[in-house]
């Protein structure tokens, strides 16, 4: 049995051993079990969730509102960990939406804190200790001096120093996966978009790119990073932009010119892949990998979250198949929410999509959103949720040829 934890308004955490912890799986409150929990990993951040009523289990085994006026405690996981349960709370006062983070349940046992998560990948490159170093600002200034007229460098400098974006920082560290934003527009209106939200909703944690770069700006920065950067990857499609495939003509020209300068490194795009005409141009230009974002392989749940403007999930499937047929390495960037993706019907749909379109890898990402925004989507899940550990086990058993993890890897 795991005990209930909470926070006060000053950020102090407490354990109440008279109550037991619960987690949330979709719209249901559940008791966490051992395989869903781990001790707090390095890099985790504890967070306070305001203006909600915590749900706990009393000594009689009843699920009740915690009767003290406290703040719900949650956790934000470092990369490499997949969330198994949401925090157990209700928004009964209709408080304003929470910022877009991946809220995770927290509990305690024998005085030690646990989070509802499992480790799903290992890659030291994403350890926070390698970022935000004392010389980062100096490195940003140096690259701005090297490319004084490159607006992408200016944008990434802001992302690196203000937003703490790791892929932006990697450009200045001249290593690993570096982001190159190219598109201020998008063909979807995602509920959890981190760069553009309506004013009445939760605040976006990033400001979207306001310009379309030139081929020259893209090529000089990408060739610099790929030519001799350590395990270098450039990725179009960052948190500070829309969908980069909408700039397929521009990016295709850039890819061809980049490859005239260097054959080193991996050229990747993070995209919703709904614009199949654009994906075809990128494939023909010689892109190495595509990481295709989706939250579900079923039309109703996909549309409820992505709210596509002028494409359908069938277009995403066509893009995946087209890319695979031309030797492009394809990832799914699966936006995971406990109680949705681990439903039996969702698992079956996902397995079909992966096998029919020769997907090579699934990256599991914790969906950053206020669970309250997902209420409508959860109504579409008409089958039992099996739990995240069983979901991961099924993927491993049914897709032995598919890599399951959390990161984009260099292909060259």
Protein backbone atom coordinates (compact mmCIF):
# COMPACT_ATOMS: atom_id res chain seq x y z
CA UNK A 1 0.00 0.00 0.00
CA UNK A 2 1.31 3.44 -0.92
CA UNK A 3 0.48 6.49 1.13
CA UNK A 4 -1.06 9.78 0.07
CA UNK A 5 1.15 12.85 -0.43
CA UNK A 6 0.24 16.51 -0.83
CA UNK A 7 1.75 20.00 -0.84
CA UNK A 8 0.99 23.26 0.90
CA UNK A 9 0.90 26.71 -0.69
CA UNK A 10 4.55 27.31 0.17
CA UNK A 11 5.72 24.25 -1.71
CA UNK A 12 6.34 21.95 1.25
CA UNK A 13 5.48 18.28 0.73
CA UNK A 14 3.80 16.00 3.27
CA UNK A 15 2.92 12.31 3.65
CA UNK A 16 -0.38 11.39 5.30
CA UNK A 17 -0.14 7.77 6.46
CA UNK A 18 -3.83 7.72 7.41
CA UNK A 19 -4.73 7.80 3.71
CA UNK A 20 -3.60 5.77 0.72
CA UNK A 21 -2.62 7.09 -2.70
CA UNK A 22 -4.67 6.74 -5.85
CA UNK A 23 -3.87 7.41 -9.48
CA UNK A 24 -6.05 8.23 -12.45
CA UNK A 25 -6.34 5.97 -15.50
CA UNK A 26 -8.46 7.78 -18.04
CA UNK A 27 -11.62 8.82 -16.17
CA UNK A 28 -11.20 6.22 -13.43
CA UNK A 29 -9.40 6.39 -10.10
CA UNK A 30 -7.32 3.30 -9.33
CA UNK A 31 -4.94 1.98 -6.69
CA UNK A 32 -1.35 2.02 -8.00
CA UNK A 33 0.48 -1.30 -8.01
CA UNK A 34 4.20 -1.96 -7.69
CA UNK A 35 4.89 -2.45 -11.42
CA UNK A 36 3.50 1.04 -12.10
CA UNK A 37 5.80 2.82 -9.64
CA UNK A 38 9.48 3.65 -9.25
CA UNK A 39 11.42 5.71 -6.69
CA UNK A 40 11.91 9.32 -7.80
CA UNK A 41 14.41 9.19 -10.68
CA UNK A 42 17.19 11.72 -11.15
CA UNK A 43 15.91 14.80 -12.94
CA UNK A 44 12.27 14.53 -11.84
CA UNK A 45 10.50 17.75 -10.82
CA UNK A 46 7.79 17.79 -8.17
CA UNK A 47 5.00 20.24 -8.90
CA UNK A 48 1.99 21.67 -7.12
CA UNK A 49 -1.41 21.42 -8.85
CA UNK A 50 -3.64 24.23 -7.55
CA UNK A 51 -7.39 24.61 -7.09
CA UNK A 52 -8.23 20.92 -7.46
CA UNK A 53 -9.63 18.41 -4.97
CA UNK A 54 -7.28 15.53 -4.25
CA UNK A 55 -8.81 12.05 -4.29
CA UNK A 56 -7.41 9.47 -1.85
CA UNK A 57 -8.43 6.19 -0.24
CA UNK A 58 -9.32 6.13 3.46
CA UNK A 59 -8.69 3.28 5.88
CA UNK A 60 -12.10 1.76 5.03
CA UNK A 61 -11.08 1.42 1.37
CA UNK A 62 -13.36 4.25 0.20
CA UNK A 63 -12.30 6.68 -2.52
CA UNK A 64 -12.92 10.13 -1.03
CA UNK A 65 -12.07 13.78 -1.48
CA UNK A 66 -9.19 14.60 0.85
CA UNK A 67 -10.82 16.77 3.47
CA UNK A 68 -7.97 19.21 4.09
CA UNK A 69 -7.42 22.29 1.96
CA UNK A 70 -4.16 21.30 0.28
CA UNK A 71 -2.53 21.37 -3.13
CA UNK A 72 -2.36 18.20 -5.17
CA UNK A 73 1.22 17.01 -5.65
CA UNK A 74 2.34 15.80 -9.07
CA UNK A 75 5.61 15.11 -10.83
CA UNK A 76 7.12 16.04 -14.20
CA UNK A 77 9.27 13.21 -15.52
CA UNK A 78 12.66 13.50 -17.21
CA UNK A 79 13.03 12.07 -20.70
CA UNK A 80 13.44 8.31 -20.86
CA UNK A 81 10.49 7.59 -18.55
CA UNK A 82 6.89 6.83 -19.48
CA UNK A 83 4.04 7.87 -17.17
CA UNK A 84 1.73 5.10 -15.95
CA UNK A 85 -0.89 7.07 -13.98
CA UNK A 86 -2.19 10.63 -13.83
CA UNK A 87 -2.56 12.38 -10.45
CA UNK A 88 -5.87 11.64 -8.75
CA UNK A 89 -7.87 14.86 -8.54
CA UNK A 90 -11.08 16.48 -9.70
CA UNK A 91 -11.56 20.02 -10.94
CA UNK A 92 -14.84 20.53 -9.12
CA UNK A 93 -14.48 24.32 -8.86
CA UNK A 94 -13.88 24.64 -12.62
CA UNK A 95 -10.53 26.29 -12.04
CA UNK A 96 -8.60 27.57 -15.06
CA UNK A 97 -6.67 25.13 -17.20
CA UNK A 98 -3.27 23.94 -16.06
CA UNK A 99 -0.08 24.77 -17.99
CA UNK A 100 0.87 22.20 -20.62
CA UNK A 101 2.97 19.69 -18.68
CA UNK A 102 2.94 15.92 -18.28
CA UNK A 103 1.44 15.61 -14.79
CA UNK A 104 2.26 12.30 -13.11
CA UNK A 105 0.95 10.69 -9.91
CA UNK A 106 3.15 10.72 -6.80
CA UNK A 107 2.89 8.59 -3.64
CA UNK A 108 5.01 7.38 -0.73
CA UNK A 109 6.10 4.14 0.91
CA UNK A 110 8.24 3.81 4.05
CA UNK A 111 8.88 7.55 3.91
CA UNK A 112 10.24 7.45 0.34
CA UNK A 113 8.53 9.16 -2.60
CA UNK A 114 7.53 7.20 -5.71
CA UNK A 115 6.26 8.30 -9.12
CA UNK A 116 3.90 6.47 -11.46
CA UNK A 117 6.38 5.71 -14.23
CA UNK A 118 8.54 3.09 -15.89
CA UNK A 119 11.92 3.55 -17.56
CA UNK A 120 11.57 3.03 -21.33
CA UNK A 121 14.86 4.25 -22.80
CA UNK A 122 18.44 5.04 -21.87
CA UNK A 123 20.45 7.78 -23.50
CA UNK A 124 22.85 9.87 -21.49
CA UNK A 125 22.66 12.59 -24.14
CA UNK A 126 19.37 13.82 -22.68
CA UNK A 127 20.57 14.00 -19.09
CA UNK A 128 19.94 17.56 -17.83
CA UNK A 129 23.49 17.72 -16.47
CA UNK A 130 24.74 18.22 -20.05
CA UNK A 131 22.57 21.30 -20.60
CA UNK A 132 22.29 24.82 -19.20
CA UNK A 133 26.06 24.86 -18.61
CA UNK A 134 27.77 28.02 -17.42
CA UNK A 135 29.21 28.68 -20.88
CA UNK A 136 25.94 28.30 -22.84
CA UNK A 137 25.35 32.04 -23.25
CA UNK A 138 28.92 32.41 -24.46
CA UNK A 139 28.39 29.64 -27.04
CA UNK A 140 25.17 31.30 -28.22
CA UNK A 141 27.01 34.59 -28.69
CA UNK A 142 29.82 32.87 -30.58
CA UNK A 143 27.52 31.19 -33.09
CA UNK A 144 25.60 34.43 -33.62
CA UNK A 145 28.93 36.04 -34.45
CA UNK A 146 29.76 33.20 -36.85
CA UNK A 147 26.41 33.53 -38.64
CA UNK A 148 25.46 37.19 -37.99
CA UNK A 149 22.64 37.34 -40.56
CA UNK A 150 21.04 33.96 -39.81
CA UNK A 151 17.63 34.45 -38.22
CA UNK A 152 17.37 30.76 -37.29
CA UNK A 153 20.42 31.15 -35.04
CA UNK A 154 18.75 34.16 -33.42
CA UNK A 155 15.55 32.17 -32.87
CA UNK A 156 17.41 29.15 -31.44
CA UNK A 157 19.41 31.39 -29.12
CA UNK A 158 16.14 32.61 -27.60
CA UNK A 159 14.81 29.05 -27.37
CA UNK A 160 18.01 27.81 -25.74
CA UNK A 161 18.35 30.56 -23.13
CA UNK A 162 14.69 31.43 -22.45
CA UNK A 163 12.79 28.17 -22.97
CA UNK A 164 15.65 25.81 -22.10
CA UNK A 165 15.04 23.74 -25.27
CA UNK A 166 17.56 20.90 -25.45
CA UNK A 167 17.54 20.56 -29.27
CA UNK A 168 18.14 24.30 -29.56
CA UNK A 169 21.00 24.09 -27.08
CA UNK A 170 22.58 21.20 -29.00
CA UNK A 171 23.10 23.48 -32.00
CA UNK A 172 25.28 25.72 -29.85
CA UNK A 173 27.04 22.77 -28.21
CA UNK A 174 27.65 21.47 -31.79
CA UNK A 175 26.52 17.91 -31.04
CA UNK A 176 23.68 15.37 -31.10
CA UNK A 177 20.14 16.30 -32.21
CA UNK A 178 19.82 19.95 -33.11
CA UNK A 179 16.58 21.67 -34.07
CA UNK A 180 16.07 23.87 -37.13
CA UNK A 181 12.59 25.51 -37.12
CA UNK A 182 11.22 26.50 -40.52
CA UNK A 183 7.41 26.82 -40.40
CA UNK A 184 5.25 29.48 -38.71
CA UNK A 185 2.07 27.76 -40.00
CA UNK A 186 0.38 24.47 -39.23
CA UNK A 187 -2.35 22.25 -40.67
CA UNK A 188 -3.58 21.08 -37.24
CA UNK A 189 -4.93 22.77 -34.11
CA UNK A 190 -3.68 20.43 -31.40
CA UNK A 191 -5.26 20.70 -27.98
CA UNK A 192 -1.79 20.51 -26.44
CA UNK A 193 0.08 22.73 -28.90
CA UNK A 194 2.98 24.28 -27.02
CA UNK A 195 3.48 27.25 -29.36
CA UNK A 196 -0.02 28.50 -30.15
CA UNK A 197 -3.14 28.46 -27.97
CA UNK A 198 -6.34 30.53 -27.99
CA UNK A 199 -6.30 33.30 -25.42
CA UNK A 200 -9.07 31.74 -23.33
CA UNK A 201 -7.11 28.50 -22.91
CA UNK A 202 -3.93 27.55 -21.09
CA UNK A 203 -0.84 29.67 -21.88
CA UNK A 204 1.61 28.37 -24.50
CA UNK A 205 5.04 27.73 -22.97
CA UNK A 206 6.78 28.88 -26.18
CA UNK A 207 6.33 31.61 -28.77
CA UNK A 208 5.95 30.39 -32.34
CA UNK A 209 8.42 31.22 -35.10
CA UNK A 210 7.33 34.39 -36.92
CA UNK A 211 9.20 34.04 -40.23
CA UNK A 212 10.05 31.56 -42.97
CA UNK A 213 13.84 31.19 -43.26
CA UNK A 214 15.70 31.19 -46.55
CA UNK A 215 17.37 28.16 -48.09
CA UNK A 216 20.73 29.82 -47.38
CA UNK A 217 19.93 30.20 -43.67
CA UNK A 218 18.91 26.55 -43.39
CA UNK A 219 21.84 25.18 -45.36
CA UNK A 220 24.62 27.09 -43.62
CA UNK A 221 23.43 26.09 -40.16
CA UNK A 222 22.57 22.48 -41.04
CA UNK A 223 25.84 21.86 -42.90
CA UNK A 224 27.78 23.34 -39.99
CA UNK A 225 26.05 21.04 -37.52
CA UNK A 226 26.18 17.86 -39.61
CA UNK A 227 29.67 18.17 -41.04
CA UNK A 228 31.58 17.40 -37.85
CA UNK A 229 29.11 17.57 -34.96
CA UNK A 230 29.18 14.58 -32.59
CA UNK A 231 26.45 12.03 -33.53
CA UNK A 232 24.86 14.88 -35.43
CA UNK A 233 21.16 15.04 -36.32
CA UNK A 234 19.25 18.04 -37.60
CA UNK A 235 15.51 17.96 -37.01
CA UNK A 236 12.96 20.14 -38.72
CA UNK A 237 9.80 20.45 -36.65
CA UNK A 238 10.38 21.98 -33.23
CA UNK A 239 8.20 23.12 -30.36
CA UNK A 240 8.48 26.72 -31.53
CA UNK A 241 6.90 26.15 -34.95
CA UNK A 242 3.97 24.68 -36.84
CA UNK A 243 4.34 21.69 -39.15
CA UNK A 244 7.54 21.81 -41.23
CA UNK A 245 6.17 19.68 -44.07
CA UNK A 246 4.12 22.72 -45.14
CA UNK A 247 7.49 24.21 -46.17
CA UNK A 248 8.35 21.10 -48.20
CA UNK A 249 9.55 23.03 -51.29
CA UNK A 250 11.93 25.10 -49.17
CA UNK A 251 13.19 22.18 -47.07
CA UNK A 252 13.60 19.90 -50.11
CA UNK A 253 15.84 22.47 -51.78
CA UNK A 254 17.79 22.80 -48.55
CA UNK A 255 18.26 19.03 -48.15
CA UNK A 256 19.73 18.72 -51.64
CA UNK A 257 22.16 21.58 -51.00
CA UNK A 258 23.10 20.25 -47.57
CA UNK A 259 23.99 16.89 -49.08
CA UNK A 260 26.15 18.63 -51.68
CA UNK A 261 28.18 20.01 -48.78
CA UNK A 262 28.26 16.97 -46.47
CA UNK A 263 27.03 13.38 -46.40
CA UNK A 264 27.55 13.17 -42.65
CA UNK A 265 24.85 12.96 -40.04
CA UNK A 266 21.09 12.39 -40.12
CA UNK A 267 18.44 14.70 -41.55
CA UNK A 268 15.14 14.20 -39.72
CA UNK A 269 11.73 15.85 -39.67
CA UNK A 270 9.18 15.86 -36.85
CA UNK A 271 5.77 16.17 -38.51
CA UNK A 272 2.13 15.18 -38.34
CA UNK A 273 2.60 13.87 -41.93
CA UNK A 274 -0.87 14.96 -42.96
CA UNK A 275 0.45 16.81 -46.02
CA UNK A 276 1.37 13.79 -48.12
CA UNK A 277 2.35 15.83 -51.20
CA UNK A 278 4.96 17.60 -49.07
CA UNK A 279 6.18 14.33 -47.54
CA UNK A 280 6.69 12.93 -51.05
CA UNK A 281 8.86 15.92 -51.99
CA UNK A 282 10.97 15.46 -48.85
CA UNK A 283 11.40 11.75 -49.52
CA UNK A 284 12.51 12.44 -53.08
CA UNK A 285 14.98 15.06 -51.80
CA UNK A 286 16.70 12.42 -49.66
CA UNK A 287 15.51 12.96 -46.09
CA UNK A 288 16.80 10.22 -43.79
CA UNK A 289 14.04 9.86 -41.18
CA UNK A 290 10.56 11.04 -40.29
CA UNK A 291 9.14 11.14 -36.78
CA UNK A 292 5.38 11.19 -37.24
CA UNK A 293 3.34 12.49 -34.33
CA UNK A 294 -0.01 10.99 -33.38
CA UNK A 295 -1.99 10.35 -30.23
CA UNK A 296 -4.12 7.53 -31.61
CA UNK A 297 -4.54 5.27 -34.63
CA UNK A 298 -8.33 5.69 -34.55
CA UNK A 299 -10.01 8.53 -36.43
CA UNK A 300 -12.29 9.81 -33.64
CA UNK A 301 -9.59 10.13 -30.98
CA UNK A 302 -7.01 11.46 -33.44
CA UNK A 303 -9.37 14.17 -34.71
CA UNK A 304 -10.50 15.14 -31.21
CA UNK A 305 -6.92 15.99 -30.25
CA UNK A 306 -5.28 17.15 -33.52
CA UNK A 307 -8.34 18.89 -35.01
CA UNK A 308 -6.80 18.74 -38.51
CA UNK A 309 -7.68 21.58 -40.86
CA UNK A 310 -7.40 19.95 -44.28
CA UNK A 311 -6.20 16.36 -43.93
CA UNK A 312 -7.30 13.04 -42.44
CA UNK A 313 -5.64 10.21 -40.53
CA UNK A 314 -5.71 8.26 -43.80
CA UNK A 315 -3.26 10.83 -45.23
CA UNK A 316 -0.91 10.18 -42.31
CA UNK A 317 -1.03 6.47 -43.10
CA UNK A 318 -0.26 7.16 -46.77
CA UNK A 319 2.70 9.32 -45.80
CA UNK A 320 4.12 6.60 -43.55
CA UNK A 321 3.77 3.95 -46.26
CA UNK A 322 5.28 6.21 -48.92
CA UNK A 323 8.29 7.03 -46.76
CA UNK A 324 8.91 3.39 -45.84
CA UNK A 325 8.69 2.29 -49.47
CA UNK A 326 11.52 4.71 -50.30
CA UNK A 327 13.79 3.57 -47.48
CA UNK A 328 13.11 6.44 -45.08
CA UNK A 329 13.37 5.41 -41.42
CA UNK A 330 9.99 6.13 -39.82
CA UNK A 331 9.22 6.68 -36.14
CA UNK A 332 5.87 7.15 -34.51
CA UNK A 333 5.92 9.91 -31.92
CA UNK A 334 3.13 8.44 -29.78
CA UNK A 335 1.62 11.03 -27.43
CA UNK A 336 0.78 8.74 -24.53
CA UNK A 337 -2.04 9.29 -22.05
CA UNK A 338 -2.79 6.56 -19.48
CA UNK A 339 -6.33 5.32 -19.95
CA UNK A 340 -6.37 6.07 -23.69
CA UNK A 341 -3.50 4.38 -25.51
CA UNK A 342 -3.61 1.32 -23.25
CA UNK A 343 -7.27 0.58 -24.12
CA UNK A 344 -7.65 -2.74 -25.94
CA UNK A 345 -9.22 -1.20 -29.04
CA UNK A 346 -6.50 1.46 -29.21
CA UNK A 347 -3.74 -1.14 -28.97
CA UNK A 348 -5.26 -3.17 -31.80
CA UNK A 349 -5.51 -0.10 -34.04
CA UNK A 350 -1.93 0.91 -33.28
CA UNK A 351 -0.55 -2.56 -34.04
CA UNK A 352 -2.36 -2.53 -37.39
CA UNK A 353 -1.04 0.91 -38.34
CA UNK A 354 2.55 -0.02 -37.47
CA UNK A 355 2.59 -3.34 -39.33
CA UNK A 356 0.71 -2.15 -42.44
CA UNK A 357 3.02 0.85 -42.90
CA UNK A 358 6.35 -0.73 -41.95
CA UNK A 359 7.05 1.66 -39.08
CA UNK A 360 10.54 1.07 -37.71
CA UNK A 361 10.29 2.57 -34.21
CA UNK A 362 7.82 3.94 -31.68
CA UNK A 363 8.84 6.84 -29.49
CA UNK A 364 6.59 7.15 -26.48
CA UNK A 365 6.09 10.69 -25.22
CA UNK A 366 4.05 11.72 -22.20
CA UNK A 367 1.25 13.94 -23.48
CA UNK A 368 1.64 17.38 -21.92
CA UNK A 369 -1.88 18.54 -21.17
CA UNK A 370 -4.38 19.23 -18.43
CA UNK A 371 -6.32 15.93 -18.14
CA UNK A 372 -9.53 17.97 -18.02
CA UNK A 373 -9.01 18.87 -21.68
CA UNK A 374 -9.09 15.17 -22.56
CA UNK A 375 -12.52 14.43 -21.08
CA UNK A 376 -14.27 14.41 -24.46
CA UNK A 377 -11.58 12.23 -25.99
CA UNK A 378 -11.85 9.71 -23.18
CA UNK A 379 -15.50 9.10 -24.05
CA UNK A 380 -14.34 7.54 -27.33
CA UNK A 381 -12.47 4.78 -25.45
CA UNK A 382 -15.12 2.08 -25.35
CA UNK A 383 -12.91 -0.78 -24.18
CA UNK A 384 -11.02 -1.65 -21.03
CA UNK A 385 -7.74 0.09 -20.19
CA UNK A 386 -5.13 -2.57 -19.51
CA UNK A 387 -2.60 -0.28 -17.85
CA UNK A 388 0.61 1.15 -19.26
CA UNK A 389 2.98 -1.69 -18.20
CA UNK A 390 0.80 -4.25 -20.02
CA UNK A 391 0.51 -1.92 -23.02
CA UNK A 392 4.32 -1.75 -23.28
CA UNK A 393 4.60 -5.52 -22.87
CA UNK A 394 2.13 -6.10 -25.71
CA UNK A 395 4.06 -3.76 -28.02
CA UNK A 396 7.29 -5.61 -27.29
CA UNK A 397 5.72 -9.04 -27.86
CA UNK A 398 3.67 -8.20 -30.94
CA UNK A 399 6.22 -5.93 -32.65
CA UNK A 400 9.61 -7.59 -32.05
CA UNK A 401 11.05 -5.89 -35.15
CA UNK A 402 10.07 -2.40 -33.94
CA UNK A 403 12.29 -0.38 -31.60
CA UNK A 404 10.39 0.93 -28.55
CA UNK A 405 11.91 3.93 -26.78
CA UNK A 406 11.85 7.69 -26.36
CA UNK A 407 14.55 9.21 -28.56
CA UNK A 408 15.50 9.91 -32.16
CA UNK A 409 18.76 8.11 -32.91
CA UNK A 410 21.50 8.92 -35.44
CA UNK A 411 21.28 6.67 -38.52
CA UNK A 412 24.76 7.35 -39.89
